[in-house]
C-alpha atoms as a PDB file:
ATOM      1  CA  MET A   1      33.749  49.416  75.050  1.00  0.00           C
ATOM      2  CA  VAL A   2      31.213  48.606  72.337  1.00  0.00           C
ATOM      3  CA  SER A   3      27.902  47.208  73.519  1.00  0.00           C
ATOM      4  CA  THR A   4      26.387  44.042  72.093  1.00  0.00           C
ATOM      5  CA  GLU A   5      23.395  46.016  70.850  1.00  0.00           C
ATOM      6  CA  SER A   6      25.552  48.324  68.751  1.00  0.00           C
ATOM      7  CA  ILE A   7      27.001  45.468  66.713  1.00  0.00           C
ATOM      8  CA  SER A   8      24.672  44.110  64.093  1.00  0.00           C
ATOM      9  CA  GLN A   9      24.052  40.394  64.036  1.00  0.00           C
ATOM     10  CA  ALA A  10      24.623  40.401  60.289  1.00  0.00           C
ATOM     11  CA  SER A  11      28.189  41.562  60.764  1.00  0.00           C
ATOM     12  CA  LEU A  12      28.847  38.631  63.068  1.00  0.00           C
ATOM     13  CA  LEU A  13      27.233  36.068  60.811  1.00  0.00           C
ATOM     14  CA  SER A  14      29.328  36.677  57.747  1.00  0.00           C
ATOM     15  CA  PRO A  15      32.768  38.163  57.495  1.00  0.00           C
ATOM     16  CA  ILE A  16      33.098  41.234  55.331  1.00  0.00           C
ATOM     17  CA  GLY A  17      35.553  40.980  52.476  1.00  0.00           C
ATOM     18  CA  GLU A  18      38.251  38.410  52.166  1.00  0.00           C
ATOM     19  CA  ASN A  19      40.314  36.921  54.934  1.00  0.00           C
ATOM     20  CA  LEU A  20      43.640  38.729  55.096  1.00  0.00           C
ATOM     21  CA  GLU A  21      45.001  36.418  57.787  1.00  0.00           C
ATOM     22  CA  ILE A  22      46.328  32.889  57.479  1.00  0.00           C
ATOM     23  CA  PHE A  23      44.125  31.730  60.390  1.00  0.00           C
ATOM     24  CA  SER A  24      40.345  31.394  60.339  1.00  0.00           C
ATOM     25  CA  LEU A  25      37.859  30.262  62.932  1.00  0.00           C
ATOM     26  CA  ILE A  26      34.964  28.163  61.701  1.00  0.00           C
ATOM     27  CA  TRP A  27      31.997  27.566  63.976  1.00  0.00           C
ATOM     28  CA  LEU A  28      29.610  24.730  63.087  1.00  0.00           C
ATOM     29  CA  ASP A  29      26.451  24.698  65.170  1.00  0.00           C
ATOM     30  CA  LEU A  30      23.066  23.029  64.964  1.00  0.00           C
ATOM     31  CA  ALA A  31      20.791  25.964  64.360  1.00  0.00           C
ATOM     32  CA  GLU A  32      20.857  29.645  63.587  1.00  0.00           C
ATOM     33  CA  ASN A  33      19.120  30.319  66.913  1.00  0.00           C
ATOM     34  CA  GLU A  34      22.112  28.902  68.776  1.00  0.00           C
ATOM     35  CA  ILE A  35      24.504  31.006  66.731  1.00  0.00           C
ATOM     36  CA  HIS A  36      22.568  34.197  67.572  1.00  0.00           C
ATOM     37  CA  LYS A  37      22.589  33.344  71.280  1.00  0.00           C
ATOM     38  CA  ASN A  38      26.375  33.315  71.317  1.00  0.00           C
ATOM     39  CA  ILE A  39      27.143  36.794  69.990  1.00  0.00           C
ATOM     40  CA  ASP A  40      29.197  37.723  73.075  1.00  0.00           C
ATOM     41  CA  VAL A  41      31.291  34.579  72.664  1.00  0.00           C
ATOM     42  CA  GLN A  42      31.777  35.359  68.978  1.00  0.00           C
ATOM     43  CA  GLN A  43      33.044  38.837  69.819  1.00  0.00           C
ATOM     44  CA  GLN A  44      35.515  37.379  72.306  1.00  0.00           C
ATOM     45  CA  LEU A  45      36.721  34.801  69.785  1.00  0.00           C
ATOM     46  CA  ARG A  46      37.270  37.515  67.199  1.00  0.00           C
ATOM     47  CA  THR A  47      39.757  39.181  69.519  1.00  0.00           C
ATOM     48  CA  ILE A  48      41.921  36.060  69.053  1.00  0.00           C
ATOM     49  CA  ILE A  49      41.187  35.165  65.423  1.00  0.00           C
ATOM     50  CA  ASN A  50      39.411  37.957  63.612  1.00  0.00           C
ATOM     51  CA  TYR A  51      38.018  35.949  60.696  1.00  0.00           C
ATOM     52  CA  LEU A  52      35.007  33.999  61.955  1.00  0.00           C
ATOM     53  CA  LYS A  53      32.805  32.014  59.581  1.00  0.00           C
ATOM     54  CA  LEU A  54      29.579  30.418  60.867  1.00  0.00           C
ATOM     55  CA  PHE A  55      27.864  27.327  59.470  1.00  0.00           C
ATOM     56  CA  GLU A  56      24.713  25.404  60.301  1.00  0.00           C
ATOM     57  CA  HIS A  57      25.142  22.542  57.824  1.00  0.00           C
ATOM     58  CA  ILE A  58      27.963  20.013  57.664  1.00  0.00           C
ATOM     59  CA  ASP A  59      27.995  19.913  53.852  1.00  0.00           C
ATOM     60  CA  ASP A  60      28.425  23.692  53.564  1.00  0.00           C
ATOM     61  CA  CYS A  61      31.168  23.684  56.175  1.00  0.00           C
ATOM     62  CA  GLU A  62      33.056  20.831  54.533  1.00  0.00           C
ATOM     63  CA  GLN A  63      32.779  22.415  51.088  1.00  0.00           C
ATOM     64  CA  TYR A  64      34.099  25.718  52.402  1.00  0.00           C
ATOM     65  CA  VAL A  65      37.113  24.117  54.119  1.00  0.00           C
ATOM     66  CA  GLN A  66      37.972  22.109  51.018  1.00  0.00           C
ATOM     67  CA  SER A  67      37.775  25.251  48.883  1.00  0.00           C
ATOM     68  CA  LEU A  68      40.515  26.959  50.892  1.00  0.00           C
ATOM     69  CA  SER A  69      44.161  27.077  49.965  1.00  0.00           C
ATOM     70  CA  LYS A  70      46.374  24.403  51.519  1.00  0.00           C
ATOM     71  CA  ASP A  71      48.290  27.256  53.171  1.00  0.00           C
ATOM     72  CA  GLU A  72      45.330  28.523  55.185  1.00  0.00           C
ATOM     73  CA  ARG A  73      44.855  27.302  58.754  1.00  0.00           C
ATOM     74  CA  ILE A  74      41.506  26.589  60.364  1.00  0.00           C
ATOM     75  CA  VAL A  75      40.463  26.282  63.974  1.00  0.00           C
ATOM     76  CA  LEU A  76      37.164  24.412  63.983  1.00  0.00           C
ATOM     77  CA  LEU A  77      34.612  24.807  66.773  1.00  0.00           C
ATOM     78  CA  ILE A  78      31.774  22.272  66.595  1.00  0.00           C
ATOM     79  CA  HIS A  79      28.765  21.118  68.576  1.00  0.00           C
ATOM     80  CA  GLU A  80      29.014  17.543  69.834  1.00  0.00           C
ATOM     81  CA  LYS A  81      25.933  16.395  67.900  1.00  0.00           C
ATOM     82  CA  LEU A  82      27.724  17.206  64.639  1.00  0.00           C
ATOM     83  CA  ALA A  83      31.167  16.053  65.729  1.00  0.00           C
ATOM     84  CA  LYS A  84      31.266  12.476  64.427  1.00  0.00           C
ATOM     85  CA  ASP A  85      29.991  13.377  60.967  1.00  0.00           C
ATOM     86  CA  ILE A  86      32.223  16.386  60.383  1.00  0.00           C
ATOM     87  CA  LEU A  87      35.316  14.810  61.954  1.00  0.00           C
ATOM     88  CA  GLU A  88      35.155  11.878  59.554  1.00  0.00           C
ATOM     89  CA  ARG A  89      35.024  14.305  56.623  1.00  0.00           C
ATOM     90  CA  VAL A  90      37.567  17.000  57.473  1.00  0.00           C
ATOM     91  CA  HIS A  91      39.923  15.762  60.165  1.00  0.00           C
ATOM     92  CA  GLU A  92      42.703  14.813  57.755  1.00  0.00           C
ATOM     93  CA  LEU A  93      42.559  18.044  55.744  1.00  0.00           C
ATOM     94  CA  ARG A  94      45.779  20.006  56.006  1.00  0.00           C
ATOM     95  CA  GLN A  95      43.904  23.276  56.558  1.00  0.00           C
ATOM     96  CA  ILE A  96      42.469  22.071  59.888  1.00  0.00           C
ATOM     97  CA  ILE A  97      45.004  22.643  62.661  1.00  0.00           C
ATOM     98  CA  SER A  98      42.800  22.139  65.709  1.00  0.00           C
ATOM     99  CA  ILE A  99      39.244  21.174  66.565  1.00  0.00           C
ATOM    100  CA  TYR A 100      37.248  22.020  69.666  1.00  0.00           C
ATOM    101  CA  ILE A 101      34.049  20.129  70.460  1.00  0.00           C
ATOM    102  CA  TYR A 102      31.746  21.821  72.905  1.00  0.00           C
ATOM    103  CA  ASN A 103      28.975  20.292  74.994  1.00  0.00           C
ATOM    104  CA  THR A 104      30.702  16.929  75.048  1.00  0.00           C
ATOM    105  CA  ASP A 105      32.005  14.498  77.610  1.00  0.00           C
ATOM    106  CA  ASP A 106      32.809  11.840  74.990  1.00  0.00           C
ATOM    107  CA  ILE A 107      36.417  11.011  75.851  1.00  0.00           C
ATOM    108  CA  GLN A 108      36.562   8.248  73.214  1.00  0.00           C
ATOM    109  CA  LEU A 109      35.598  10.687  70.480  1.00  0.00           C
ATOM    110  CA  MET A 110      38.128  13.252  71.665  1.00  0.00           C
ATOM    111  CA  ASN A 111      40.898  10.645  71.805  1.00  0.00           C
ATOM    112  CA  ALA A 112      40.075   9.158  68.393  1.00  0.00           C
ATOM    113  CA  TYR A 113      41.209  12.261  66.498  1.00  0.00           C
ATOM    114  CA  LYS A 114      44.614  13.826  67.078  1.00  0.00           C
ATOM    115  CA  LYS A 115      43.536  17.354  66.111  1.00  0.00           C
ATOM    116  CA  VAL A 116      40.765  17.460  68.710  1.00  0.00           C
ATOM    117  CA  CYS A 117      41.806  19.626  71.639  1.00  0.00           C
ATOM    118  CA  LYS A 118      40.410  19.059  75.071  1.00  0.00           C
ATOM    119  CA  THR A 119      38.550  21.984  76.585  1.00  0.00           C
ATOM    120  CA  LYS A 120      38.313  22.809  80.255  1.00  0.00           C
END
């Protein structure tokens, strides 16, 4: 098994080359520090969906999703503090197939958008 230390943070922060899969995982978090803290989680997620793209800013994330082909499918993982803003902007985009909001107990928010999946 590969240790966390042997994998460079740079390789986790930006995918190399183009996405050869139809599915992508986009992670929108508040700060780069939070993204770096979750390297183990990122490695685990990449075993499910290999193409992981990380964003700190809502505008960059939205622009990226809108730039994708209508045939691509996105699973969006977002921090609750960014949820309302990004959900209003991208929820109806065809590319988004499911959205997971972490660090939230806001049932109203989760029920307001059909693509938001409840986490355990």
